[in-house]
Amino acid sequence: MEEILNGKDQNLINLLNRVRGSVGRRGSGSKTIWSRKNDYGLGLYISANHVYNITGWNSRNAHFFNLSSENPGIFETSQIPPVNGSIALGHTLIADFPFIHFNISTGATNTTLLPAEDFYIGIIDNQRAEQSPLANYPELVKTSVPLQMYDPDNRTKANPTWNIAVAGEKVIAVGYPQDNANYPNGAVAYGKILSDTEATQTIQKLKIAGDTEGDIPYNSSAEFLIEAQAIAGMSGGGVFNADGQLLGIMVRASDKENAPKIIRAVKIAHIKSTMIEFYNSLPETDKSRIRPFISGEL
């Protein structure tokens, strides 16, 4: 990330500054604030199920937490960039509340989970705590204070906050690798979105090269492929277009040395349609518990 911010491509610098405050650390992976367009102005974020660890969910069936009375929140390992825009995360933790996960296939594991199912939705409120050797947990979600975050162009309040991935366009992908020594302040990938035909052909090349991604068929309705290289830990990090709109989150990548370098990303359009389908399936009482947190993206 420092290389781009200290570089000479002003358009890329401006784009990175526009989006980087939306991407934070979540455990050994990343998470991306999709929107603050809800009744409380809190951060509606997306991350990958395998970042959360699917064994941590009580059920493989779609489920939501009633955040007005349940408290699944954590501080530990949860960070977003400081409000002042500093590139260093520092030692401040921010409350992270898993909110909704969707159906997960029986038998799927963290390593075999398909992109179409590899996402969940969470909430970030404005509770913060300093890192400590002692366990520290947030109180129930605080809805009285909107999330304060580094978002210089109000990307998370824009209309729209997201867009459709377009084949051939150049995109920027931001995440927090597990390699903190070489990437203490996050990493950036920059590349082209492949067309469906190119993606299918690339999957075949990956199979020939013996890369695991070659064994996973390309699902054009749920994902897109980026011609770029990711690093372990960037999963859950956001992929943005030149206007700073969120296109999806990273979930998988090729890793064989002789294989094509690609990143698989779940489309935000797929995530949103899955969320709305789940929401519409609920009784009105449950809808009223969820609606205030996702109202701006319904």
C-alpha atoms as a PDB file:
ATOM      1  CA  MET A   1       0.000   0.000   0.000  1.00  0.00           C
ATOM      2  CA  GLU A   2       2.842   2.421   0.835  1.00  0.00           C
ATOM      3  CA  GLU A   3       4.335   1.958  -2.636  1.00  0.00           C
ATOM      4  CA  ILE A   4       1.172   3.225  -4.306  1.00  0.00           C
ATOM      5  CA  LEU A   5       0.620   6.107  -1.892  1.00  0.00           C
ATOM      6  CA  ASN A   6       4.243   7.202  -2.376  1.00  0.00           C
ATOM      7  CA  GLY A   7       4.150   6.658  -6.130  1.00  0.00           C
ATOM      8  CA  LYS A   8       3.510   9.024  -9.048  1.00  0.00           C
ATOM      9  CA  ASP A   9       0.151   7.723 -10.327  1.00  0.00           C
ATOM     10  CA  GLN A  10      -2.115  10.390  -8.831  1.00  0.00           C
ATOM     11  CA  ASN A  11      -5.313   8.745 -10.096  1.00  0.00           C
ATOM     12  CA  LEU A  12      -4.384   5.494  -8.357  1.00  0.00           C
ATOM     13  CA  ILE A  13      -3.386   7.365  -5.198  1.00  0.00           C
ATOM     14  CA  ASN A  14      -6.730   9.181  -5.152  1.00  0.00           C
ATOM     15  CA  LEU A  15      -8.660   5.951  -5.687  1.00  0.00           C
ATOM     16  CA  LEU A  16      -6.773   4.120  -2.958  1.00  0.00           C
ATOM     17  CA  ASN A  17      -7.371   6.962  -0.514  1.00  0.00           C
ATOM     18  CA  ARG A  18     -11.045   6.885  -1.402  1.00  0.00           C
ATOM     19  CA  VAL A  19     -11.502   3.203  -0.570  1.00  0.00           C
ATOM     20  CA  ARG A  20      -8.809   2.105   1.882  1.00  0.00           C
ATOM     21  CA  GLY A  21     -10.652   3.336   4.980  1.00  0.00           C
ATOM     22  CA  SER A  22     -13.405   0.817   4.190  1.00  0.00           C
ATOM     23  CA  VAL A  23     -11.139  -2.225   4.485  1.00  0.00           C
ATOM     24  CA  GLY A  24      -9.972  -3.559   7.828  1.00  0.00           C
ATOM     25  CA  ARG A  25      -8.559  -6.585   9.570  1.00  0.00           C
ATOM     26  CA  ARG A  26     -10.701  -9.444  10.858  1.00  0.00           C
ATOM     27  CA  GLY A  27      -8.734 -12.232  12.553  1.00  0.00           C
ATOM     28  CA  SER A  28      -6.323 -13.722  10.035  1.00  0.00           C
ATOM     29  CA  GLY A  29      -8.217 -12.129   7.160  1.00  0.00           C
ATOM     30  CA  SER A  30      -9.946  -8.953   6.066  1.00  0.00           C
ATOM     31  CA  LYS A  31     -13.385  -7.342   5.986  1.00  0.00           C
ATOM     32  CA  THR A  32     -14.945  -4.562   3.941  1.00  0.00           C
ATOM     33  CA  ILE A  33     -17.447  -1.931   5.018  1.00  0.00           C
ATOM     34  CA  TRP A  34     -20.068  -1.978   2.310  1.00  0.00           C
ATOM     35  CA  SER A  35     -22.374   0.777   3.531  1.00  0.00           C
ATOM     36  CA  ARG A  36     -23.326   3.182   6.298  1.00  0.00           C
ATOM     37  CA  LYS A  37     -26.725   3.780   4.731  1.00  0.00           C
ATOM     38  CA  ASN A  38     -28.906   2.413   7.521  1.00  0.00           C
ATOM     39  CA  ASP A  39     -31.098   3.796  10.278  1.00  0.00           C
ATOM     40  CA  TYR A  40     -28.161   4.063  12.687  1.00  0.00           C
ATOM     41  CA  GLY A  41     -25.290   5.028  10.407  1.00  0.00           C
ATOM     42  CA  LEU A  42     -23.360   1.939  11.497  1.00  0.00           C
ATOM     43  CA  GLY A  43     -20.957   0.002   9.288  1.00  0.00           C
ATOM     44  CA  LEU A  44     -22.567  -2.838   7.358  1.00  0.00           C
ATOM     45  CA  TYR A  45     -19.581  -4.997   6.451  1.00  0.00           C
ATOM     46  CA  ILE A  46     -18.909  -8.121   4.406  1.00  0.00           C
ATOM     47  CA  SER A  47     -16.273 -10.765   5.001  1.00  0.00           C
ATOM     48  CA  ALA A  48     -15.649 -14.348   3.923  1.00  0.00           C
ATOM     49  CA  ASN A  49     -17.133 -17.288   5.818  1.00  0.00           C
ATOM     50  CA  HIS A  50     -13.735 -18.960   5.836  1.00  0.00           C
ATOM     51  CA  VAL A  51     -12.258 -15.859   7.495  1.00  0.00           C
ATOM     52  CA  TYR A  52     -14.850 -16.158  10.248  1.00  0.00           C
ATOM     53  CA  ASN A  53     -14.336 -19.966  10.303  1.00  0.00           C
ATOM     54  CA  ILE A  54     -17.532 -21.803   9.386  1.00  0.00           C
ATOM     55  CA  THR A  55     -17.205 -24.152  12.365  1.00  0.00           C
ATOM     56  CA  GLY A  56     -17.940 -21.088  14.478  1.00  0.00           C
ATOM     57  CA  TRP A  57     -21.501 -20.862  13.166  1.00  0.00           C
ATOM     58  CA  ASN A  58     -24.028 -22.840  15.205  1.00  0.00           C
ATOM     59  CA  SER A  59     -25.820 -24.023  12.066  1.00  0.00           C
ATOM     60  CA  ARG A  60     -25.216 -24.425   8.345  1.00  0.00           C
ATOM     61  CA  ASN A  61     -28.679 -22.968   7.764  1.00  0.00           C
ATOM     62  CA  ALA A  62     -29.055 -19.233   7.218  1.00  0.00           C
ATOM     63  CA  HIS A  63     -29.185 -17.410  10.537  1.00  0.00           C
ATOM     64  CA  PHE A  64     -29.190 -13.899  11.946  1.00  0.00           C
ATOM     65  CA  PHE A  65     -28.384 -12.522  15.374  1.00  0.00           C
ATOM     66  CA  ASN A  66     -30.955 -10.277  17.035  1.00  0.00           C
ATOM     67  CA  LEU A  67     -28.447  -7.580  17.880  1.00  0.00           C
ATOM     68  CA  SER A  68     -30.868  -5.742  20.151  1.00  0.00           C
ATOM     69  CA  SER A  69     -30.653  -8.615  22.649  1.00  0.00           C
ATOM     70  CA  GLU A  70     -27.817 -10.928  21.499  1.00  0.00           C
ATOM     71  CA  ASN A  71     -24.160  -9.974  21.769  1.00  0.00           C
ATOM     72  CA  PRO A  72     -21.825 -11.963  19.482  1.00  0.00           C
ATOM     73  CA  GLY A  73     -19.433  -9.013  19.409  1.00  0.00           C
ATOM     74  CA  ILE A  74     -15.650  -9.060  19.663  1.00  0.00           C
ATOM     75  CA  PHE A  75     -12.860  -6.514  19.913  1.00  0.00           C
ATOM     76  CA  GLU A  76      -9.899  -8.842  19.505  1.00  0.00           C
ATOM     77  CA  THR A  77      -8.401  -8.909  15.983  1.00  0.00           C
ATOM     78  CA  SER A  78     -10.939  -6.351  14.693  1.00  0.00           C
ATOM     79  CA  GLN A  79      -9.482  -3.139  13.263  1.00  0.00           C
ATOM     80  CA  ILE A  80     -10.203  -0.512  10.642  1.00  0.00           C
ATOM     81  CA  PRO A  81      -7.959   2.394   9.597  1.00  0.00           C
ATOM     82  CA  PRO A  82      -7.950   5.367  11.982  1.00  0.00           C
ATOM     83  CA  VAL A  83     -10.483   8.151  11.415  1.00  0.00           C
ATOM     84  CA  ASN A  84      -7.646  10.580  10.653  1.00  0.00           C
ATOM     85  CA  GLY A  85      -6.593   8.530   7.632  1.00  0.00           C
ATOM     86  CA  SER A  86      -3.290   7.294   9.018  1.00  0.00           C
ATOM     87  CA  ILE A  87      -2.031   4.316   7.044  1.00  0.00           C
ATOM     88  CA  ALA A  88      -1.051   2.461  10.257  1.00  0.00           C
ATOM     89  CA  LEU A  89      -3.847   0.608  12.079  1.00  0.00           C
ATOM     90  CA  GLY A  90      -2.183   1.276  15.419  1.00  0.00           C
ATOM     91  CA  HIS A  91      -3.373  -0.524  18.552  1.00  0.00           C
ATOM     92  CA  THR A  92      -7.044   0.454  18.582  1.00  0.00           C
ATOM     93  CA  LEU A  93      -9.648  -2.299  18.230  1.00  0.00           C
ATOM     94  CA  ILE A  94     -13.201  -1.718  17.048  1.00  0.00           C
ATOM     95  CA  ALA A  95     -16.331  -3.663  17.946  1.00  0.00           C
ATOM     96  CA  ASP A  96     -17.290  -6.286  15.366  1.00  0.00           C
ATOM     97  CA  PHE A  97     -20.675  -8.029  15.436  1.00  0.00           C
ATOM     98  CA  PRO A  98     -21.385 -10.989  13.126  1.00  0.00           C
ATOM     99  CA  PHE A  99     -24.940 -10.375  11.930  1.00  0.00           C
ATOM    100  CA  ILE A 100     -26.182 -12.667   9.134  1.00  0.00           C
ATOM    101  CA  HIS A 101     -24.771 -15.765   7.499  1.00  0.00           C
ATOM    102  CA  PHE A 102     -26.499 -17.568   4.700  1.00  0.00           C
ATOM    103  CA  ASN A 103     -26.922 -21.249   3.804  1.00  0.00           C
ATOM    104  CA  ILE A 104     -23.692 -23.256   3.780  1.00  0.00           C
ATOM    105  CA  SER A 105     -23.569 -26.641   2.073  1.00  0.00           C
ATOM    106  CA  THR A 106     -23.238 -29.714   4.231  1.00  0.00           C
ATOM    107  CA  GLY A 107     -19.702 -31.034   4.022  1.00  0.00           C
ATOM    108  CA  ALA A 108     -18.138 -27.731   2.964  1.00  0.00           C
ATOM    109  CA  THR A 109     -14.963 -26.781   4.812  1.00  0.00           C
ATOM    110  CA  ASN A 110     -13.045 -23.533   5.106  1.00  0.00           C
ATOM    111  CA  THR A 111     -10.839 -24.644   2.211  1.00  0.00           C
ATOM    112  CA  THR A 112     -13.508 -26.192  -0.054  1.00  0.00           C
ATOM    113  CA  LEU A 113     -16.248 -23.595   0.399  1.00  0.00           C
ATOM    114  CA  LEU A 114     -17.382 -22.334  -3.006  1.00  0.00           C
ATOM    115  CA  PRO A 115     -17.350 -18.587  -3.696  1.00  0.00           C
ATOM    116  CA  ALA A 116     -21.150 -18.569  -4.035  1.00  0.00           C
ATOM    117  CA  GLU A 117     -21.419 -19.356  -0.299  1.00  0.00           C
ATOM    118  CA  ASP A 118     -18.250 -17.760   1.033  1.00  0.00           C
ATOM    119  CA  PHE A 119     -19.558 -14.552   2.580  1.00  0.00           C
ATOM    120  CA  TYR A 120     -21.391 -13.242   5.615  1.00  0.00           C
ATOM    121  CA  ILE A 121     -22.561  -9.843   6.832  1.00  0.00           C
ATOM    122  CA  GLY A 122     -21.585  -8.065  10.025  1.00  0.00           C
ATOM    123  CA  ILE A 123     -22.001  -4.757  11.818  1.00  0.00           C
ATOM    124  CA  ILE A 124     -19.334  -2.374  13.104  1.00  0.00           C
ATOM    125  CA  ASP A 125     -20.375   0.213  15.666  1.00  0.00           C
ATOM    126  CA  ASN A 126     -18.381   3.025  17.244  1.00  0.00           C
ATOM    127  CA  GLN A 127     -17.185   1.139  20.348  1.00  0.00           C
ATOM    128  CA  ARG A 128     -13.394   1.093  20.512  1.00  0.00           C
ATOM    129  CA  ALA A 129     -10.808  -0.329  22.894  1.00  0.00           C
ATOM    130  CA  GLU A 130      -7.031  -0.402  23.078  1.00  0.00           C
ATOM    131  CA  GLN A 131      -5.256  -3.719  22.577  1.00  0.00           C
ATOM    132  CA  SER A 132      -4.617  -5.477  25.877  1.00  0.00           C
ATOM    133  CA  PRO A 133      -3.377  -8.873  27.045  1.00  0.00           C
ATOM    134  CA  LEU A 134      -6.691  -9.236  28.872  1.00  0.00           C
ATOM    135  CA  ALA A 135      -9.868 -10.335  27.095  1.00  0.00           C
ATOM    136  CA  ASN A 136     -12.189  -7.432  26.385  1.00  0.00           C
ATOM    137  CA  TYR A 137     -15.651  -7.582  24.823  1.00  0.00           C
ATOM    138  CA  PRO A 138     -17.955  -4.823  23.619  1.00  0.00           C
ATOM    139  CA  GLU A 139     -21.359  -4.102  25.053  1.00  0.00           C
ATOM    140  CA  LEU A 140     -24.492  -4.660  22.964  1.00  0.00           C
ATOM    141  CA  VAL A 141     -24.467  -2.828  19.647  1.00  0.00           C
ATOM    142  CA  LYS A 142     -24.605   0.912  20.232  1.00  0.00           C
ATOM    143  CA  THR A 143     -27.089   2.477  17.828  1.00  0.00           C
ATOM    144  CA  SER A 144     -27.002   6.035  19.195  1.00  0.00           C
ATOM    145  CA  VAL A 145     -23.617   7.003  17.683  1.00  0.00           C
ATOM    146  CA  PRO A 146     -22.940   6.555  13.934  1.00  0.00           C
ATOM    147  CA  LEU A 147     -19.704   4.847  12.931  1.00  0.00           C
ATOM    148  CA  GLN A 148     -16.819   7.272  12.602  1.00  0.00           C
ATOM    149  CA  MET A 149     -14.423   6.099   9.890  1.00  0.00           C
ATOM    150  CA  TYR A 150     -11.954   7.338   7.292  1.00  0.00           C
ATOM    151  CA  ASP A 151     -14.200   7.883   4.299  1.00  0.00           C
ATOM    152  CA  PRO A 152     -13.094  11.206   2.770  1.00  0.00           C
ATOM    153  CA  ASP A 153     -15.548  11.070  -0.143  1.00  0.00           C
ATOM    154  CA  ASN A 154     -18.389   9.402   1.797  1.00  0.00           C
ATOM    155  CA  ARG A 155     -18.112   6.339  -0.422  1.00  0.00           C
ATOM    156  CA  THR A 156     -20.133   4.285   2.082  1.00  0.00           C
ATOM    157  CA  LYS A 157     -23.021   6.758   1.866  1.00  0.00           C
ATOM    158  CA  ALA A 158     -23.029   7.202  -1.901  1.00  0.00           C
ATOM    159  CA  ASN A 159     -25.920   6.304  -4.155  1.00  0.00           C
ATOM    160  CA  PRO A 160     -25.059   3.633  -5.092  1.00  0.00           C
ATOM    161  CA  THR A 161     -22.313   2.247  -2.859  1.00  0.00           C
ATOM    162  CA  TRP A 162     -21.726  -0.671  -5.227  1.00  0.00           C
ATOM    163  CA  ASN A 163     -21.838  -1.632  -8.882  1.00  0.00           C
ATOM    164  CA  ILE A 164     -21.733  -4.527 -11.326  1.00  0.00           C
ATOM    165  CA  ALA A 165     -18.338  -5.974 -12.242  1.00  0.00           C
ATOM    166  CA  VAL A 166     -17.627  -5.210 -15.919  1.00  0.00           C
ATOM    167  CA  ALA A 167     -15.322  -7.418 -17.967  1.00  0.00           C
ATOM    168  CA  GLY A 168     -12.156  -5.649 -19.044  1.00  0.00           C
ATOM    169  CA  GLU A 169     -12.253  -2.849 -16.473  1.00  0.00           C
ATOM    170  CA  LYS A 170      -9.285  -2.296 -14.185  1.00  0.00           C
ATOM    171  CA  VAL A 171     -10.001  -2.693 -10.474  1.00  0.00           C
ATOM    172  CA  ILE A 172      -8.211  -2.235  -7.194  1.00  0.00           C
ATOM    173  CA  ALA A 173      -8.373  -4.858  -4.435  1.00  0.00           C
ATOM    174  CA  VAL A 174      -7.370  -4.075  -0.842  1.00  0.00           C
ATOM    175  CA  GLY A 175      -6.762  -6.437   2.070  1.00  0.00           C
ATOM    176  CA  TYR A 176      -4.591  -7.264   5.066  1.00  0.00           C
ATOM    177  CA  PRO A 177      -2.189 -10.168   4.454  1.00  0.00           C
ATOM    178  CA  GLN A 178      -1.195 -12.486   7.283  1.00  0.00           C
ATOM    179  CA  ASP A 179       2.403 -11.488   6.537  1.00  0.00           C
ATOM    180  CA  ASN A 180       2.433  -8.488   8.863  1.00  0.00           C
ATOM    181  CA  ALA A 181       6.201  -8.086   8.594  1.00  0.00           C
ATOM    182  CA  ASN A 182       6.157  -7.243   4.894  1.00  0.00           C
ATOM    183  CA  TYR A 183       2.637  -5.806   4.776  1.00  0.00           C
ATOM    184  CA  PRO A 184       2.010  -4.108   8.140  1.00  0.00           C
ATOM    185  CA  ASN A 185      -0.393  -1.585   6.620  1.00  0.00           C
ATOM    186  CA  GLY A 186      -2.217  -3.764   4.106  1.00  0.00           C
ATOM    187  CA  ALA A 187      -1.672  -4.720   0.485  1.00  0.00           C
ATOM    188  CA  VAL A 188      -3.132  -3.729  -2.856  1.00  0.00           C
ATOM    189  CA  ALA A 189      -3.714  -5.752  -6.010  1.00  0.00           C
ATOM    190  CA  TYR A 190      -4.471  -4.061  -9.317  1.00  0.00           C
ATOM    191  CA  GLY A 191      -5.686  -5.851 -12.413  1.00  0.00           C
ATOM    192  CA  LYS A 192      -8.300  -6.508 -15.069  1.00  0.00           C
ATOM    193  CA  ILE A 193     -11.637  -8.283 -14.670  1.00  0.00           C
ATOM    194  CA  LEU A 194     -11.779 -11.299 -16.981  1.00  0.00           C
ATOM    195  CA  SER A 195     -14.760 -11.941 -19.225  1.00  0.00           C
ATOM    196  CA  ASP A 196     -16.757 -15.109 -18.608  1.00  0.00           C
ATOM    197  CA  THR A 197     -15.049 -16.744 -21.584  1.00  0.00           C
ATOM    198  CA  GLU A 198     -11.603 -15.710 -20.351  1.00  0.00           C
ATOM    199  CA  ALA A 199     -12.429 -16.878 -16.842  1.00  0.00           C
ATOM    200  CA  THR A 200     -13.545 -20.309 -18.042  1.00  0.00           C
ATOM    201  CA  GLN A 201     -10.402 -20.659 -20.150  1.00  0.00           C
ATOM    202  CA  THR A 202      -8.238 -19.578 -17.208  1.00  0.00           C
ATOM    203  CA  ILE A 203      -9.812 -22.198 -14.949  1.00  0.00           C
ATOM    204  CA  GLN A 204      -8.765 -24.822 -17.502  1.00  0.00           C
ATOM    205  CA  LYS A 205      -5.205 -23.458 -17.497  1.00  0.00           C
ATOM    206  CA  LEU A 206      -5.186 -23.618 -13.696  1.00  0.00           C
ATOM    207  CA  LYS A 207      -6.300 -27.231 -13.832  1.00  0.00           C
ATOM    208  CA  ILE A 208      -3.488 -28.104 -16.239  1.00  0.00           C
ATOM    209  CA  ALA A 209      -1.011 -26.331 -13.938  1.00  0.00           C
ATOM    210  CA  GLY A 210      -2.226 -28.389 -10.974  1.00  0.00           C
ATOM    211  CA  ASP A 211      -3.587 -25.389  -9.083  1.00  0.00           C
ATOM    212  CA  THR A 212      -6.485 -26.065  -6.699  1.00  0.00           C
ATOM    213  CA  GLU A 213      -8.554 -23.338  -8.360  1.00  0.00           C
ATOM    214  CA  GLY A 214      -8.651 -25.438 -11.510  1.00  0.00           C
ATOM    215  CA  ASP A 215     -10.866 -27.930  -9.693  1.00  0.00           C
ATOM    216  CA  ILE A 216     -13.501 -25.321  -8.877  1.00  0.00           C
ATOM    217  CA  PRO A 217     -15.815 -24.497 -11.795  1.00  0.00           C
ATOM    218  CA  TYR A 218     -16.335 -20.837 -12.618  1.00  0.00           C
ATOM    219  CA  ASN A 219     -19.762 -19.574 -11.510  1.00  0.00           C
ATOM    220  CA  SER A 220     -20.543 -16.463 -13.568  1.00  0.00           C
ATOM    221  CA  SER A 221     -23.673 -15.592 -11.569  1.00  0.00           C
ATOM    222  CA  ALA A 222     -21.837 -15.413  -8.244  1.00  0.00           C
ATOM    223  CA  GLU A 223     -18.223 -14.477  -8.919  1.00  0.00           C
ATOM    224  CA  PHE A 224     -15.730 -12.742 -11.170  1.00  0.00           C
ATOM    225  CA  LEU A 225     -12.025 -13.319 -11.751  1.00  0.00           C
ATOM    226  CA  ILE A 226      -9.338 -10.667 -11.603  1.00  0.00           C
ATOM    227  CA  GLU A 227      -6.051 -10.996 -13.455  1.00  0.00           C
ATOM    228  CA  ALA A 228      -3.874 -10.167 -10.425  1.00  0.00           C
ATOM    229  CA  GLN A 229      -2.074 -11.762  -7.501  1.00  0.00           C
ATOM    230  CA  ALA A 230      -3.394 -11.859  -3.930  1.00  0.00           C
ATOM    231  CA  ILE A 231      -1.678 -12.793  -0.679  1.00  0.00           C
ATOM    232  CA  ALA A 232      -3.056 -15.020   2.073  1.00  0.00           C
ATOM    233  CA  GLY A 233      -5.143 -12.918   4.449  1.00  0.00           C
ATOM    234  CA  MET A 234      -6.595 -10.618   1.795  1.00  0.00           C
ATOM    235  CA  SER A 235      -9.778 -12.720   1.744  1.00  0.00           C
ATOM    236  CA  GLY A 236     -12.719 -10.549   2.770  1.00  0.00           C
ATOM    237  CA  GLY A 237     -10.995  -7.477   1.358  1.00  0.00           C
ATOM    238  CA  GLY A 238     -12.878  -5.322  -1.116  1.00  0.00           C
ATOM    239  CA  VAL A 239     -12.598  -5.013  -4.889  1.00  0.00           C
ATOM    240  CA  PHE A 240     -13.438  -1.520  -6.169  1.00  0.00           C
ATOM    241  CA  ASN A 241     -13.875   0.069  -9.580  1.00  0.00           C
ATOM    242  CA  ALA A 242     -12.353   3.373 -10.712  1.00  0.00           C
ATOM    243  CA  ASP A 243     -15.231   5.285  -9.102  1.00  0.00           C
ATOM    244  CA  GLY A 244     -14.598   3.655  -5.729  1.00  0.00           C
ATOM    245  CA  GLN A 245     -17.767   1.552  -5.875  1.00  0.00           C
ATOM    246  CA  LEU A 246     -17.631  -1.865  -4.247  1.00  0.00           C
ATOM    247  CA  LEU A 247     -17.804  -4.716  -6.771  1.00  0.00           C
ATOM    248  CA  GLY A 248     -17.225  -7.674  -4.461  1.00  0.00           C
ATOM    249  CA  ILE A 249     -14.919  -9.263  -1.916  1.00  0.00           C
ATOM    250  CA  MET A 250     -11.908 -11.500  -2.460  1.00  0.00           C
ATOM    251  CA  VAL A 251     -12.318 -15.136  -1.385  1.00  0.00           C
ATOM    252  CA  ARG A 252      -9.802 -17.317  -3.248  1.00  0.00           C
ATOM    253  CA  ALA A 253      -6.676 -17.047  -5.405  1.00  0.00           C
ATOM    254  CA  SER A 254      -4.300 -19.226  -7.386  1.00  0.00           C
ATOM    255  CA  ASP A 255      -1.005 -20.066  -5.674  1.00  0.00           C
ATOM    256  CA  LYS A 256       0.973 -22.422  -7.902  1.00  0.00           C
ATOM    257  CA  GLU A 257       4.131 -20.751  -9.185  1.00  0.00           C
ATOM    258  CA  ASN A 258       3.574 -21.802 -12.806  1.00  0.00           C
ATOM    259  CA  ALA A 259      -0.172 -21.113 -12.797  1.00  0.00           C
ATOM    260  CA  PRO A 260      -1.965 -17.976 -14.034  1.00  0.00           C
ATOM    261  CA  LYS A 261      -2.277 -15.370 -11.278  1.00  0.00           C
ATOM    262  CA  ILE A 262      -5.949 -14.826 -10.537  1.00  0.00           C
ATOM    263  CA  ILE A 263      -8.167 -13.658  -7.681  1.00  0.00           C
ATOM    264  CA  ARG A 264     -11.709 -14.946  -7.272  1.00  0.00           C
ATOM    265  CA  ALA A 265     -14.195 -12.397  -5.927  1.00  0.00           C
ATOM    266  CA  VAL A 266     -17.829 -12.816  -4.902  1.00  0.00           C
ATOM    267  CA  LYS A 267     -20.035 -10.309  -6.690  1.00  0.00           C
ATOM    268  CA  ILE A 268     -21.716  -7.739  -4.464  1.00  0.00           C
ATOM    269  CA  ALA A 269     -24.769  -8.197  -6.705  1.00  0.00           C
ATOM    270  CA  HIS A 270     -24.901 -11.863  -5.641  1.00  0.00           C
ATOM    271  CA  ILE A 271     -24.392 -10.952  -1.994  1.00  0.00           C
ATOM    272  CA  LYS A 272     -27.156  -8.364  -2.111  1.00  0.00           C
ATOM    273  CA  SER A 273     -29.652 -10.629  -3.879  1.00  0.00           C
ATOM    274  CA  THR A 274     -28.928 -13.409  -1.360  1.00  0.00           C
ATOM    275  CA  MET A 275     -29.460 -10.973   1.516  1.00  0.00           C
ATOM    276  CA  ILE A 276     -32.749  -9.714   0.105  1.00  0.00           C
ATOM    277  CA  GLU A 277     -34.000 -13.240  -0.609  1.00  0.00           C
ATOM    278  CA  PHE A 278     -33.240 -14.220   3.003  1.00  0.00           C
ATOM    279  CA  TYR A 279     -34.861 -11.043   4.330  1.00  0.00           C
ATOM    280  CA  ASN A 280     -38.032 -11.602   2.276  1.00  0.00           C
ATOM    281  CA  SER A 281     -38.318 -15.175   3.611  1.00  0.00           C
ATOM    282  CA  LEU A 282     -38.591 -14.002   7.220  1.00  0.00           C
ATOM    283  CA  PRO A 283     -41.729 -13.257   9.227  1.00  0.00           C
ATOM    284  CA  GLU A 284     -42.416  -9.567   9.808  1.00  0.00           C
ATOM    285  CA  THR A 285     -41.163  -9.694  13.405  1.00  0.00           C
ATOM    286  CA  ASP A 286     -37.741 -10.867  12.262  1.00  0.00           C
ATOM    287  CA  LYS A 287     -37.703  -8.411   9.368  1.00  0.00           C
ATOM    288  CA  SER A 288     -38.180  -5.576  11.854  1.00  0.00           C
ATOM    289  CA  ARG A 289     -35.091  -6.770  13.757  1.00  0.00           C
ATOM    290  CA  ILE A 290     -32.909  -6.803  10.654  1.00  0.00           C
ATOM    291  CA  ARG A 291     -34.303  -3.886   8.639  1.00  0.00           C
ATOM    292  CA  PRO A 292     -32.764  -0.970  10.601  1.00  0.00           C
ATOM    293  CA  PHE A 293     -29.234  -2.316   9.962  1.00  0.00           C
ATOM    294  CA  ILE A 294     -29.631  -2.935   6.206  1.00  0.00           C
ATOM    295  CA  SER A 295     -32.346  -0.421   5.299  1.00  0.00           C
ATOM    296  CA  GLY A 296     -30.162   1.615   2.959  1.00  0.00           C
ATOM    297  CA  GLU A 297     -29.250  -1.423   0.826  1.00  0.00           C
ATOM    298  CA  LEU A 298     -32.655  -3.111   0.556  1.00  0.00           C
END
